[in-house]
Amino acid sequence: MAQQFPTAFEQNLQVYGSPQSHAELQAQGIRCGRKRIVHLMQELEISARCLVHRVVTTHSDPRVRVAPNMLQRDFPAQTINGKWVTDVTYVATQQGWLYLAAVLSRAVVGWSMAVVQMNGW
């Protein structure tokens, strides 16, 4: 079992942690406990890799003019509503990307949301 475990781990792209590795070995008919797998992984100094799935959400056009940075990191305002900032964030949903844009002074002054459909969802 100890010889078969590293092979099973590598065959699964090194992304299986102890619960999935244990289930895989059980499916192959190899009897072992999950804690044994944990100890083997510690002994062999291996851990599951996290596969990062990054989605490109911005396609910058180099011909488009970029707005100048008017604040230059000088955030305190001399007057009320003297400086406003904005930010955009996005969240993947089953309907597509949900974009949220907010305008802030000392608190959120306004916001808008829109869903952009994603292919295959």
PDB file of N, CA and C in Angstrom:
ATOM      1  N   MET A   1       0.827  -1.190   0.000  1.00  0.00           N
ATOM      2  CA  MET A   1       0.000   0.000   0.000  1.00  0.00           C
ATOM      3  C   MET A   1       0.865   1.245   0.000  1.00  0.00           C
ATOM      4  N   ALA A   2       1.942   1.229   0.798  1.00  0.00           N
ATOM      5  CA  ALA A   2       2.802   2.404   0.881  1.00  0.00           C
ATOM      6  C   ALA A   2       3.481   2.691  -0.457  1.00  0.00           C
ATOM      7  N   GLN A   3       3.729   1.638  -1.243  1.00  0.00           N
ATOM      8  CA  GLN A   3       4.345   1.844  -2.561  1.00  0.00           C
ATOM      9  C   GLN A   3       3.314   2.316  -3.579  1.00  0.00           C
ATOM     10  N   GLN A   4       2.077   1.902  -3.414  1.00  0.00           N
ATOM     11  CA  GLN A   4       1.042   2.232  -4.382  1.00  0.00           C
ATOM     12  C   GLN A   4       0.511   3.653  -4.183  1.00  0.00           C
ATOM     13  N   PHE A   5       0.619   4.166  -2.970  1.00  0.00           N
ATOM     14  CA  PHE A   5       0.057   5.484  -2.692  1.00  0.00           C
ATOM     15  C   PHE A   5       0.706   6.597  -3.516  1.00  0.00           C
ATOM     16  N   PRO A   6       2.055   6.731  -3.552  1.00  0.00           N
ATOM     17  CA  PRO A   6       2.636   7.816  -4.357  1.00  0.00           C
ATOM     18  C   PRO A   6       2.242   7.731  -5.831  1.00  0.00           C
ATOM     19  N   THR A   7       2.112   6.515  -6.360  1.00  0.00           N
ATOM     20  CA  THR A   7       1.708   6.343  -7.754  1.00  0.00           C
ATOM     21  C   THR A   7       0.291   6.853  -7.955  1.00  0.00           C
ATOM     22  N   ALA A   8      -0.616   6.502  -7.046  1.00  0.00           N
ATOM     23  CA  ALA A   8      -2.003   6.971  -7.143  1.00  0.00           C
ATOM     24  C   ALA A   8      -2.056   8.486  -7.012  1.00  0.00           C
ATOM     25  N   PHE A   9      -1.236   9.041  -6.132  1.00  0.00           N
ATOM     26  CA  PHE A   9      -1.197  10.490  -5.922  1.00  0.00           C
ATOM     27  C   PHE A   9      -0.755  11.192  -7.198  1.00  0.00           C
ATOM     28  N   GLU A  10       0.309  10.690  -7.842  1.00  0.00           N
ATOM     29  CA  GLU A  10       0.824  11.306  -9.067  1.00  0.00           C
ATOM     30  C   GLU A  10      -0.136  11.127 -10.239  1.00  0.00           C
ATOM     31  N   GLN A  11      -0.808   9.993 -10.305  1.00  0.00           N
ATOM     32  CA  GLN A  11      -1.765   9.760 -11.393  1.00  0.00           C
ATOM     33  C   GLN A  11      -2.925  10.744 -11.340  1.00  0.00           C
ATOM     34  N   ASN A  12      -3.216  11.268 -10.171  1.00  0.00           N
ATOM     35  CA  ASN A  12      -4.308  12.224 -10.011  1.00  0.00           C
ATOM     36  C   ASN A  12      -3.786  13.650  -9.958  1.00  0.00           C
ATOM     37  N   LEU A  13      -2.701  13.908 -10.661  1.00  0.00           N
ATOM     38  CA  LEU A  13      -2.121  15.251 -10.841  1.00  0.00           C
ATOM     39  C   LEU A  13      -1.739  15.928  -9.526  1.00  0.00           C
ATOM     40  N   GLN A  14      -1.518  15.151  -8.490  1.00  0.00           N
ATOM     41  CA  GLN A  14      -1.093  15.653  -7.183  1.00  0.00           C
ATOM     42  C   GLN A  14      -2.081  16.651  -6.585  1.00  0.00           C
ATOM     43  N   VAL A  15      -3.354  16.513  -6.940  1.00  0.00           N
ATOM     44  CA  VAL A  15      -4.363  17.425  -6.396  1.00  0.00           C
ATOM     45  C   VAL A  15      -5.230  16.751  -5.337  1.00  0.00           C
ATOM     46  N   TYR A  16      -5.076  15.451  -5.152  1.00  0.00           N
ATOM     47  CA  TYR A  16      -5.874  14.742  -4.163  1.00  0.00           C
ATOM     48  C   TYR A  16      -5.268  14.919  -2.772  1.00  0.00           C
ATOM     49  N   GLY A  17      -6.087  15.309  -1.820  1.00  0.00           N
ATOM     50  CA  GLY A  17      -5.687  15.327  -0.428  1.00  0.00           C
ATOM     51  C   GLY A  17      -5.939  13.954   0.174  1.00  0.00           C
ATOM     52  N   SER A  18      -5.854  13.845   1.485  1.00  0.00           N
ATOM     53  CA  SER A  18      -6.008  12.532   2.124  1.00  0.00           C
ATOM     54  C   SER A  18      -7.404  11.925   1.929  1.00  0.00           C
ATOM     55  N   PRO A  19      -8.509  12.691   2.002  1.00  0.00           N
ATOM     56  CA  PRO A  19      -9.820  12.040   1.815  1.00  0.00           C
ATOM     57  C   PRO A  19      -9.991  11.455   0.408  1.00  0.00           C
ATOM     58  N   GLN A  20      -9.591  12.222  -0.611  1.00  0.00           N
ATOM     59  CA  GLN A  20      -9.750  11.731  -1.985  1.00  0.00           C
ATOM     60  C   GLN A  20      -8.765  10.598  -2.282  1.00  0.00           C
ATOM     61  N   SER A  21      -7.549  10.708  -1.751  1.00  0.00           N
ATOM     62  CA  SER A  21      -6.569   9.637  -1.947  1.00  0.00           C
ATOM     63  C   SER A  21      -7.066   8.355  -1.287  1.00  0.00           C
ATOM     64  N   HIS A  22      -7.632   8.481  -0.103  1.00  0.00           N
ATOM     65  CA  HIS A  22      -8.179   7.319   0.600  1.00  0.00           C
ATOM     66  C   HIS A  22      -9.294   6.673  -0.228  1.00  0.00           C
ATOM     67  N   ALA A  23     -10.204   7.483  -0.737  1.00  0.00           N
ATOM     68  CA  ALA A  23     -11.309   6.959  -1.552  1.00  0.00           C
ATOM     69  C   ALA A  23     -10.785   6.284  -2.816  1.00  0.00           C
ATOM     70  N   GLU A  24      -9.766   6.868  -3.424  1.00  0.00           N
ATOM     71  CA  GLU A  24      -9.182   6.286  -4.646  1.00  0.00           C
ATOM     72  C   GLU A  24      -8.569   4.926  -4.356  1.00  0.00           C
ATOM     73  N   LEU A  25      -7.822   4.817  -3.269  1.00  0.00           N
ATOM     74  CA  LEU A  25      -7.213   3.532  -2.916  1.00  0.00           C
ATOM     75  C   LEU A  25      -8.283   2.504  -2.561  1.00  0.00           C
ATOM     76  N   GLN A  26      -9.339   2.923  -1.879  1.00  0.00           N
ATOM     77  CA  GLN A  26     -10.450   2.021  -1.567  1.00  0.00           C
ATOM     78  C   GLN A  26     -11.097   1.513  -2.852  1.00  0.00           C
ATOM     79  N   ALA A  27     -11.271   2.415  -3.834  1.00  0.00           N
ATOM     80  CA  ALA A  27     -11.867   2.030  -5.122  1.00  0.00           C
ATOM     81  C   ALA A  27     -10.991   1.029  -5.860  1.00  0.00           C
ATOM     82  N   GLN A  28      -9.681   1.103  -5.631  1.00  0.00           N
ATOM     83  CA  GLN A  28      -8.752   0.157  -6.265  1.00  0.00           C
ATOM     84  C   GLN A  28      -8.677  -1.164  -5.493  1.00  0.00           C
ATOM     85  N   GLY A  29      -9.431  -1.258  -4.388  1.00  0.00           N
ATOM     86  CA  GLY A  29      -9.453  -2.491  -3.608  1.00  0.00           C
ATOM     87  C   GLY A  29      -8.335  -2.571  -2.575  1.00  0.00           C
ATOM     88  N   ILE A  30      -7.675  -1.458  -2.320  1.00  0.00           N
ATOM     89  CA  ILE A  30      -6.590  -1.435  -1.342  1.00  0.00           C
ATOM     90  C   ILE A  30      -7.166  -0.980  -0.006  1.00  0.00           C
ATOM     91  N   ARG A  31      -7.056  -1.833   1.022  1.00  0.00           N
ATOM     92  CA  ARG A  31      -7.615  -1.517   2.332  1.00  0.00           C
ATOM     93  C   ARG A  31      -6.605  -0.698   3.128  1.00  0.00           C
ATOM     94  N   CYS A  32      -7.066   0.442   3.616  1.00  0.00           N
ATOM     95  CA  CYS A  32      -6.230   1.294   4.465  1.00  0.00           C
ATOM     96  C   CYS A  32      -7.131   2.309   5.152  1.00  0.00           C
ATOM     97  N   GLY A  33      -6.626   2.908   6.196  1.00  0.00           N
ATOM     98  CA  GLY A  33      -7.383   3.926   6.907  1.00  0.00           C
ATOM     99  C   GLY A  33      -7.010   5.316   6.410  1.00  0.00           C
ATOM    100  N   ARG A  34      -7.934   6.264   6.569  1.00  0.00           N
ATOM    101  CA  ARG A  34      -7.651   7.626   6.115  1.00  0.00           C
ATOM    102  C   ARG A  34      -6.504   8.232   6.913  1.00  0.00           C
ATOM    103  N   LYS A  35      -6.445   7.926   8.210  1.00  0.00           N
ATOM    104  CA  LYS A  35      -5.353   8.468   9.021  1.00  0.00           C
ATOM    105  C   LYS A  35      -3.999   7.921   8.559  1.00  0.00           C
ATOM    106  N   ARG A  36      -3.990   6.698   8.054  1.00  0.00           N
ATOM    107  CA  ARG A  36      -2.744   6.128   7.503  1.00  0.00           C
ATOM    108  C   ARG A  36      -2.296   6.946   6.301  1.00  0.00           C
ATOM    109  N   ILE A  37      -3.248   7.368   5.483  1.00  0.00           N
ATOM    110  CA  ILE A  37      -2.933   8.201   4.319  1.00  0.00           C
ATOM    111  C   ILE A  37      -2.375   9.545   4.782  1.00  0.00           C
ATOM    112  N   VAL A  38      -2.982  10.123   5.819  1.00  0.00           N
ATOM    113  CA  VAL A  38      -2.492  11.401   6.354  1.00  0.00           C
ATOM    114  C   VAL A  38      -1.049  11.250   6.810  1.00  0.00           C
ATOM    115  N   HIS A  39      -0.769  10.186   7.551  1.00  0.00           N
ATOM    116  CA  HIS A  39       0.595   9.970   8.050  1.00  0.00           C
ATOM    117  C   HIS A  39       1.575   9.711   6.908  1.00  0.00           C
ATOM    118  N   LEU A  40       1.140   8.966   5.888  1.00  0.00           N
ATOM    119  CA  LEU A  40       2.002   8.722   4.726  1.00  0.00           C
ATOM    120  C   LEU A  40       2.324  10.031   3.995  1.00  0.00           C
ATOM    121  N   MET A  41       1.312  10.869   3.838  1.00  0.00           N
ATOM    122  CA  MET A  41       1.542  12.143   3.149  1.00  0.00           C
ATOM    123  C   MET A  41       2.521  13.006   3.940  1.00  0.00           C
ATOM    124  N   GLN A  42       2.385  12.991   5.264  1.00  0.00           N
ATOM    125  CA  GLN A  42       3.310  13.760   6.095  1.00  0.00           C
ATOM    126  C   GLN A  42       4.711  13.168   6.024  1.00  0.00           C
ATOM    127  N   GLU A  43       4.809  11.856   6.074  1.00  0.00           N
ATOM    128  CA  GLU A  43       6.098  11.168   6.033  1.00  0.00           C
ATOM    129  C   GLU A  43       6.812  11.416   4.702  1.00  0.00           C
ATOM    130  N   LEU A  44       6.047  11.396   3.610  1.00  0.00           N
ATOM    131  CA  LEU A  44       6.627  11.601   2.276  1.00  0.00           C
ATOM    132  C   LEU A  44       6.733  13.086   1.917  1.00  0.00           C
ATOM    133  N   GLU A  45       6.262  13.942   2.835  1.00  0.00           N
ATOM    134  CA  GLU A  45       6.289  15.398   2.637  1.00  0.00           C
ATOM    135  C   GLU A  45       5.605  15.813   1.335  1.00  0.00           C
ATOM    136  N   ILE A  46       4.405  15.272   1.132  1.00  0.00           N
ATOM    137  CA  ILE A  46       3.620  15.661  -0.044  1.00  0.00           C
ATOM    138  C   ILE A  46       2.294  16.244   0.425  1.00  0.00           C
ATOM    139  N   SER A  47       1.793  17.168  -0.350  1.00  0.00           N
ATOM    140  CA  SER A  47       0.488  17.755  -0.070  1.00  0.00           C
ATOM    141  C   SER A  47      -0.192  18.055  -1.396  1.00  0.00           C
ATOM    142  N   ALA A  48      -1.497  18.175  -1.325  1.00  0.00           N
ATOM    143  CA  ALA A  48      -2.281  18.413  -2.535  1.00  0.00           C
ATOM    144  C   ALA A  48      -2.003  19.812  -3.075  1.00  0.00           C
ATOM    145  N   ARG A  49      -1.862  19.901  -4.392  1.00  0.00           N
ATOM    146  CA  ARG A  49      -1.715  21.196  -5.054  1.00  0.00           C
ATOM    147  C   ARG A  49      -3.096  21.764  -5.294  1.00  0.00           C
ATOM    148  N   CYS A  50      -3.220  23.065  -5.186  1.00  0.00           N
ATOM    149  CA  CYS A  50      -4.466  23.738  -5.530  1.00  0.00           C
ATOM    150  C   CYS A  50      -4.358  24.199  -6.977  1.00  0.00           C
ATOM    151  N   LEU A  51      -5.261  23.722  -7.803  1.00  0.00           N
ATOM    152  CA  LEU A  51      -5.274  24.171  -9.187  1.00  0.00           C
ATOM    153  C   LEU A  51      -6.014  25.497  -9.240  1.00  0.00           C
ATOM    154  N   VAL A  52      -5.343  26.521  -9.694  1.00  0.00           N
ATOM    155  CA  VAL A  52      -5.948  27.846  -9.771  1.00  0.00           C
ATOM    156  C   VAL A  52      -6.562  28.003 -11.149  1.00  0.00           C
ATOM    157  N   HIS A  53      -7.849  28.272 -11.168  1.00  0.00           N
ATOM    158  CA  HIS A  53      -8.559  28.480 -12.424  1.00  0.00           C
ATOM    159  C   HIS A  53      -8.816  29.974 -12.566  1.00  0.00           C
ATOM    160  N   ARG A  54      -8.064  30.616 -13.414  1.00  0.00           N
ATOM    161  CA  ARG A  54      -8.213  32.051 -13.597  1.00  0.00           C
ATOM    162  C   ARG A  54      -8.950  32.307 -14.910  1.00  0.00           C
ATOM    163  N   VAL A  55      -9.892  33.196 -14.831  1.00  0.00           N
ATOM    164  CA  VAL A  55     -10.666  33.566 -16.004  1.00  0.00           C
ATOM    165  C   VAL A  55     -10.284  34.989 -16.379  1.00  0.00           C
ATOM    166  N   VAL A  56      -9.983  35.201 -17.637  1.00  0.00           N
ATOM    167  CA  VAL A  56      -9.661  36.541 -18.109  1.00  0.00           C
ATOM    168  C   VAL A  56     -10.969  37.312 -18.236  1.00  0.00           C
ATOM    169  N   THR A  57     -11.103  38.374 -17.458  1.00  0.00           N
ATOM    170  CA  THR A  57     -12.335  39.151 -17.473  1.00  0.00           C
ATOM    171  C   THR A  57     -12.161  40.505 -18.138  1.00  0.00           C
ATOM    172  N   THR A  58     -10.921  40.886 -18.394  1.00  0.00           N
ATOM    173  CA  THR A  58     -10.656  42.193 -18.983  1.00  0.00           C
ATOM    174  C   THR A  58      -9.786  42.025 -20.221  1.00  0.00           C
ATOM    175  N   HIS A  59     -10.202  42.627 -21.295  1.00  0.00           N
ATOM    176  CA  HIS A  59      -9.409  42.649 -22.516  1.00  0.00           C
ATOM    177  C   HIS A  59      -9.064  44.112 -22.774  1.00  0.00           C
ATOM    178  N   SER A  60      -7.907  44.511 -22.285  1.00  0.00           N
ATOM    179  CA  SER A  60      -7.512  45.910 -22.386  1.00  0.00           C
ATOM    180  C   SER A  60      -7.212  46.280 -23.831  1.00  0.00           C
ATOM    181  N   ASP A  61      -7.639  47.451 -24.200  1.00  0.00           N
ATOM    182  CA  ASP A  61      -7.349  48.001 -25.518  1.00  0.00           C
ATOM    183  C   ASP A  61      -6.255  49.047 -25.341  1.00  0.00           C
ATOM    184  N   PRO A  62      -5.049  48.793 -25.842  1.00  0.00           N
ATOM    185  CA  PRO A  62      -3.947  49.730 -25.623  1.00  0.00           C
ATOM    186  C   PRO A  62      -4.179  51.100 -26.268  1.00  0.00           C
ATOM    187  N   ARG A  63      -5.143  51.180 -27.194  1.00  0.00           N
ATOM    188  CA  ARG A  63      -5.417  52.466 -27.851  1.00  0.00           C
ATOM    189  C   ARG A  63      -6.304  53.379 -27.013  1.00  0.00           C
ATOM    190  N   VAL A  64      -6.955  52.803 -25.976  1.00  0.00           N
ATOM    191  CA  VAL A  64      -7.877  53.578 -25.151  1.00  0.00           C
ATOM    192  C   VAL A  64      -7.076  54.406 -24.143  1.00  0.00           C
ATOM    193  N   ARG A  65      -7.468  55.660 -23.986  1.00  0.00           N
ATOM    194  CA  ARG A  65      -6.791  56.559 -23.049  1.00  0.00           C
ATOM    195  C   ARG A  65      -7.156  56.204 -21.613  1.00  0.00           C
ATOM    196  N   VAL A  66      -6.179  56.173 -20.728  1.00  0.00           N
ATOM    197  CA  VAL A  66      -6.401  55.867 -19.315  1.00  0.00           C
ATOM    198  C   VAL A  66      -6.631  57.169 -18.568  1.00  0.00           C
ATOM    199  N   ALA A  67      -7.617  57.170 -17.662  1.00  0.00           N
ATOM    200  CA  ALA A  67      -7.915  58.370 -16.878  1.00  0.00           C
ATOM    201  C   ALA A  67      -6.738  58.682 -15.951  1.00  0.00           C
ATOM    202  N   PRO A  68      -6.426  59.947 -15.777  1.00  0.00           N
ATOM    203  CA  PRO A  68      -5.297  60.304 -14.901  1.00  0.00           C
ATOM    204  C   PRO A  68      -5.637  60.064 -13.432  1.00  0.00           C
ATOM    205  N   ASN A  69      -4.609  59.792 -12.630  1.00  0.00           N
ATOM    206  CA  ASN A  69      -4.778  59.592 -11.198  1.00  0.00           C
ATOM    207  C   ASN A  69      -4.771  60.959 -10.531  1.00  0.00           C
ATOM    208  N   MET A  70      -5.947  61.490 -10.258  1.00  0.00           N
ATOM    209  CA  MET A  70      -6.068  62.840  -9.714  1.00  0.00           C
ATOM    210  C   MET A  70      -5.717  62.899  -8.230  1.00  0.00           C
ATOM    211  N   LEU A  71      -5.921  61.818  -7.491  1.00  0.00           N
ATOM    212  CA  LEU A  71      -5.679  61.857  -6.051  1.00  0.00           C
ATOM    213  C   LEU A  71      -4.210  61.692  -5.680  1.00  0.00           C
ATOM    214  N   GLN A  72      -3.459  60.942  -6.457  1.00  0.00           N
ATOM    215  CA  GLN A  72      -2.059  60.656  -6.139  1.00  0.00           C
ATOM    216  C   GLN A  72      -1.904  60.181  -4.691  1.00  0.00           C
ATOM    217  N   ARG A  73      -2.830  59.323  -4.247  1.00  0.00           N
ATOM    218  CA  ARG A  73      -2.857  58.728  -2.901  1.00  0.00           C
ATOM    219  C   ARG A  73      -3.033  59.758  -1.786  1.00  0.00           C
ATOM    220  N   ASP A  74      -3.529  60.945  -2.112  1.00  0.00           N
ATOM    221  CA  ASP A  74      -3.838  61.967  -1.112  1.00  0.00           C
ATOM    222  C   ASP A  74      -5.337  61.884  -0.830  1.00  0.00           C
ATOM    223  N   PHE A  75      -5.732  60.985   0.091  1.00  0.00           N
ATOM    224  CA  PHE A  75      -7.136  60.661   0.277  1.00  0.00           C
ATOM    225  C   PHE A  75      -7.929  61.639   1.151  1.00  0.00           C
ATOM    226  N   PRO A  76      -7.371  62.253   2.199  1.00  0.00           N
ATOM    227  CA  PRO A  76      -8.188  63.162   3.023  1.00  0.00           C
ATOM    228  C   PRO A  76      -8.708  64.348   2.201  1.00  0.00           C
ATOM    229  N   ALA A  77      -9.989  64.664   2.389  1.00  0.00           N
ATOM    230  CA  ALA A  77     -10.614  65.759   1.648  1.00  0.00           C
ATOM    231  C   ALA A  77     -10.749  66.982   2.538  1.00  0.00           C
ATOM    232  N   GLN A  78     -10.593  68.171   1.944  1.00  0.00           N
ATOM    233  CA  GLN A  78     -10.730  69.415   2.696  1.00  0.00           C
ATOM    234  C   GLN A  78     -12.200  69.780   2.910  1.00  0.00           C
ATOM    235  N   THR A  79     -13.072  69.333   2.026  1.00  0.00           N
ATOM    236  CA  THR A  79     -14.501  69.631   2.131  1.00  0.00           C
ATOM    237  C   THR A  79     -15.301  68.340   2.046  1.00  0.00           C
ATOM    238  N   ILE A  80     -16.543  68.401   2.521  1.00  0.00           N
ATOM    239  CA  ILE A  80     -17.425  67.245   2.405  1.00  0.00           C
ATOM    240  C   ILE A  80     -17.712  67.012   0.927  1.00  0.00           C
ATOM    241  N   ASN A  81     -17.683  65.761   0.517  1.00  0.00           N
ATOM    242  CA  ASN A  81     -17.875  65.366  -0.890  1.00  0.00           C
ATOM    243  C   ASN A  81     -16.823  65.997  -1.801  1.00  0.00           C
ATOM    244  N   GLY A  82     -15.676  66.337  -1.253  1.00  0.00           N
ATOM    245  CA  GLY A  82     -14.606  66.932  -2.055  1.00  0.00           C
ATOM    246  C   GLY A  82     -13.904  65.915  -2.944  1.00  0.00           C
ATOM    247  N   LYS A  83     -13.887  64.656  -2.522  1.00  0.00           N
ATOM    248  CA  LYS A  83     -13.242  63.605  -3.304  1.00  0.00           C
ATOM    249  C   LYS A  83     -14.141  62.379  -3.314  1.00  0.00           C
ATOM    250  N   TRP A  84     -14.372  61.858  -4.507  1.00  0.00           N
ATOM    251  CA  TRP A  84     -15.147  60.646  -4.669  1.00  0.00           C
ATOM    252  C   TRP A  84     -14.266  59.619  -5.349  1.00  0.00           C
ATOM    253  N   VAL A  85     -14.461  58.362  -4.995  1.00  0.00           N
ATOM    254  CA  VAL A  85     -13.720  57.288  -5.643  1.00  0.00           C
ATOM    255  C   VAL A  85     -14.712  56.229  -6.125  1.00  0.00           C
ATOM    256  N   THR A  86     -14.251  55.426  -7.061  1.00  0.00           N
ATOM    257  CA  THR A  86     -15.089  54.342  -7.577  1.00  0.00           C
ATOM    258  C   THR A  86     -14.297  53.052  -7.559  1.00  0.00           C
ATOM    259  N   ASP A  87     -15.022  51.959  -7.607  1.00  0.00           N
ATOM    260  CA  ASP A  87     -14.391  50.648  -7.699  1.00  0.00           C
ATOM    261  C   ASP A  87     -15.355  49.708  -8.414  1.00  0.00           C
ATOM    262  N   VAL A  88     -14.781  48.723  -9.071  1.00  0.00           N
ATOM    263  CA  VAL A  88     -15.571  47.708  -9.767  1.00  0.00           C
ATOM    264  C   VAL A  88     -15.079  46.350  -9.294  1.00  0.00           C
ATOM    265  N   THR A  89     -16.000  45.454  -9.013  1.00  0.00           N
ATOM    266  CA  THR A  89     -15.643  44.083  -8.666  1.00  0.00           C
ATOM    267  C   THR A  89     -16.588  43.145  -9.405  1.00  0.00           C
ATOM    268  N   TYR A  90     -16.250  41.885  -9.448  1.00  0.00           N
ATOM    269  CA  TYR A  90     -17.072  40.925 -10.175  1.00  0.00           C
ATOM    270  C   TYR A  90     -17.088  39.601  -9.437  1.00  0.00           C
ATOM    271  N   VAL A  91     -18.203  38.882  -9.605  1.00  0.00           N
ATOM    272  CA  VAL A  91     -18.401  37.595  -8.957  1.00  0.00           C
ATOM    273  C   VAL A  91     -18.994  36.646  -9.993  1.00  0.00           C
ATOM    274  N   ALA A  92     -18.473  35.419 -10.062  1.00  0.00           N
ATOM    275  CA  ALA A  92     -19.024  34.416 -10.978  1.00  0.00           C
ATOM    276  C   ALA A  92     -20.305  33.857 -10.385  1.00  0.00           C
ATOM    277  N   THR A  93     -21.388  33.872 -11.157  1.00  0.00           N
ATOM    278  CA  THR A  93     -22.659  33.289 -10.743  1.00  0.00           C
ATOM    279  C   THR A  93     -23.100  32.300 -11.816  1.00  0.00           C
ATOM    280  N   GLN A  94     -24.176  31.574 -11.574  1.00  0.00           N
ATOM    281  CA  GLN A  94     -24.659  30.627 -12.575  1.00  0.00           C
ATOM    282  C   GLN A  94     -25.206  31.343 -13.806  1.00  0.00           C
ATOM    283  N   GLN A  95     -25.636  32.586 -13.659  1.00  0.00           N
ATOM    284  CA  GLN A  95     -26.156  33.338 -14.796  1.00  0.00           C
ATOM    285  C   GLN A  95     -25.031  34.000 -15.602  1.00  0.00           C
ATOM    286  N   GLY A  96     -23.861  34.142 -15.026  1.00  0.00           N
ATOM    287  CA  GLY A  96     -22.733  34.797 -15.686  1.00  0.00           C
ATOM    288  C   GLY A  96     -21.973  35.654 -14.685  1.00  0.00           C
ATOM    289  N   TRP A  97     -21.121  36.532 -15.172  1.00  0.00           N
ATOM    290  CA  TRP A  97     -20.357  37.420 -14.288  1.00  0.00           C
ATOM    291  C   TRP A  97     -21.264  38.546 -13.799  1.00  0.00           C
ATOM    292  N   LEU A  98     -21.326  38.718 -12.490  1.00  0.00           N
ATOM    293  CA  LEU A  98     -22.061  39.825 -11.891  1.00  0.00           C
ATOM    294  C   LEU A  98     -21.049  40.921 -11.596  1.00  0.00           C
ATOM    295  N   TYR A  99     -21.176  42.032 -12.292  1.00  0.00           N
ATOM    296  CA  TYR A  99     -20.285  43.179 -12.086  1.00  0.00           C
ATOM    297  C   TYR A  99     -20.971  44.170 -11.159  1.00  0.00           C
ATOM    298  N   LEU A 100     -20.230  44.657 -10.189  1.00  0.00           N
ATOM    299  CA  LEU A 100     -20.737  45.644  -9.248  1.00  0.00           C
ATOM    300  C   LEU A 100     -19.814  46.850  -9.270  1.00  0.00           C
ATOM    301  N   ALA A 101     -20.374  48.012  -9.581  1.00  0.00           N
ATOM    302  CA  ALA A 101     -19.615  49.265  -9.569  1.00  0.00           C
ATOM    303  C   ALA A 101     -20.183  50.138  -8.467  1.00  0.00           C
ATOM    304  N   ALA A 102     -19.295  50.728  -7.655  1.00  0.00           N
ATOM    305  CA  ALA A 102     -19.741  51.571  -6.548  1.00  0.00           C
ATOM    306  C   ALA A 102     -19.015  52.904  -6.588  1.00  0.00           C
ATOM    307  N   VAL A 103     -19.728  53.961  -6.187  1.00  0.00           N
ATOM    308  CA  VAL A 103     -19.162  55.297  -6.055  1.00  0.00           C
ATOM    309  C   VAL A 103     -19.185  55.617  -4.563  1.00  0.00           C
ATOM    310  N   LEU A 104     -18.030  56.049  -4.029  1.00  0.00           N
ATOM    311  CA  LEU A 104     -17.915  56.305  -2.595  1.00  0.00           C
ATOM    312  C   LEU A 104     -17.435  57.715  -2.321  1.00  0.00           C
ATOM    313  N   SER A 105     -17.999  58.300  -1.278  1.00  0.00           N
ATOM    314  CA  SER A 105     -17.466  59.528  -0.720  1.00  0.00           C
ATOM    315  C   SER A 105     -16.971  59.121   0.662  1.00  0.00           C
ATOM    316  N   ARG A 106     -17.722  59.359   1.704  1.00  0.00           N
ATOM    317  CA  ARG A 106     -17.400  58.742   2.990  1.00  0.00           C
ATOM    318  C   ARG A 106     -18.165  57.432   3.132  1.00  0.00           C
ATOM    319  N   ALA A 107     -19.198  57.267   2.362  1.00  0.00           N
ATOM    320  CA  ALA A 107     -20.005  56.050   2.324  1.00  0.00           C
ATOM    321  C   ALA A 107     -20.354  55.802   0.863  1.00  0.00           C
ATOM    322  N   VAL A 108     -21.050  54.722   0.595  1.00  0.00           N
ATOM    323  CA  VAL A 108     -21.456  54.431  -0.772  1.00  0.00           C
ATOM    324  C   VAL A 108     -22.504  55.452  -1.196  1.00  0.00           C
ATOM    325  N   VAL A 109     -22.208  56.189  -2.263  1.00  0.00           N
ATOM    326  CA  VAL A 109     -23.106  57.216  -2.782  1.00  0.00           C
ATOM    327  C   VAL A 109     -24.044  56.606  -3.825  1.00  0.00           C
ATOM    328  N   GLY A 110     -23.512  55.693  -4.607  1.00  0.00           N
ATOM    329  CA  GLY A 110     -24.325  55.048  -5.633  1.00  0.00           C
ATOM    330  C   GLY A 110     -23.670  53.761  -6.086  1.00  0.00           C
ATOM    331  N   TRP A 111     -24.457  52.903  -6.687  1.00  0.00           N
ATOM    332  CA  TRP A 111     -23.917  51.652  -7.178  1.00  0.00           C
ATOM    333  C   TRP A 111     -24.771  51.154  -8.339  1.00  0.00           C
ATOM    334  N   SER A 112     -24.187  50.248  -9.114  1.00  0.00           N
ATOM    335  CA  SER A 112     -24.894  49.653 -10.234  1.00  0.00           C
ATOM    336  C   SER A 112     -24.387  48.231 -10.411  1.00  0.00           C
ATOM    337  N   MET A 113     -25.284  47.352 -10.859  1.00  0.00           N
ATOM    338  CA  MET A 113     -24.913  45.967 -11.110  1.00  0.00           C
ATOM    339  C   MET A 113     -25.376  45.565 -12.502  1.00  0.00           C
ATOM    340  N   ALA A 114     -24.617  44.654 -13.099  1.00  0.00           N
ATOM    341  CA  ALA A 114     -25.010  44.087 -14.387  1.00  0.00           C
ATOM    342  C   ALA A 114     -24.462  42.680 -14.490  1.00  0.00           C
ATOM    343  N   VAL A 115     -25.197  41.809 -15.146  1.00  0.00           N
ATOM    344  CA  VAL A 115     -24.758  40.436 -15.367  1.00  0.00           C
ATOM    345  C   VAL A 115     -24.360  40.293 -16.824  1.00  0.00           C
ATOM    346  N   VAL A 116     -23.175  39.753 -17.047  1.00  0.00           N
ATOM    347  CA  VAL A 116     -22.686  39.490 -18.398  1.00  0.00           C
ATOM    348  C   VAL A 116     -22.703  37.971 -18.566  1.00  0.00           C
ATOM    349  N   GLN A 117     -23.430  37.494 -19.574  1.00  0.00           N
ATOM    350  CA  GLN A 117     -23.573  36.063 -19.798  1.00  0.00           C
ATOM    351  C   GLN A 117     -22.225  35.434 -20.129  1.00  0.00           C
ATOM    352  N   MET A 118     -22.004  34.221 -19.612  1.00  0.00           N
ATOM    353  CA  MET A 118     -20.785  33.474 -19.891  1.00  0.00           C
ATOM    354  C   MET A 118     -21.144  32.287 -20.770  1.00  0.00           C
ATOM    355  N   ASN A 119     -20.285  31.946 -21.697  1.00  0.00           N
ATOM    356  CA  ASN A 119     -20.512  30.782 -22.542  1.00  0.00           C
ATOM    357  C   ASN A 119     -20.357  29.515 -21.713  1.00  0.00           C
ATOM    358  N   GLY A 120     -21.236  28.566 -21.910  1.00  0.00           N
ATOM    359  CA  GLY A 120     -21.130  27.282 -21.255  1.00  0.00           C
ATOM    360  C   GLY A 120     -21.735  27.222 -19.865  1.00  0.00           C
ATOM    361  N   TRP A 121     -22.333  28.292 -19.376  1.00  0.00           N
ATOM    362  CA  TRP A 121     -22.953  28.257 -18.039  1.00  0.00           C
ATOM    363  C   TRP A 121     -24.430  28.141 -18.168  1.00  0.00           C
TER     364      TRP A 121
END
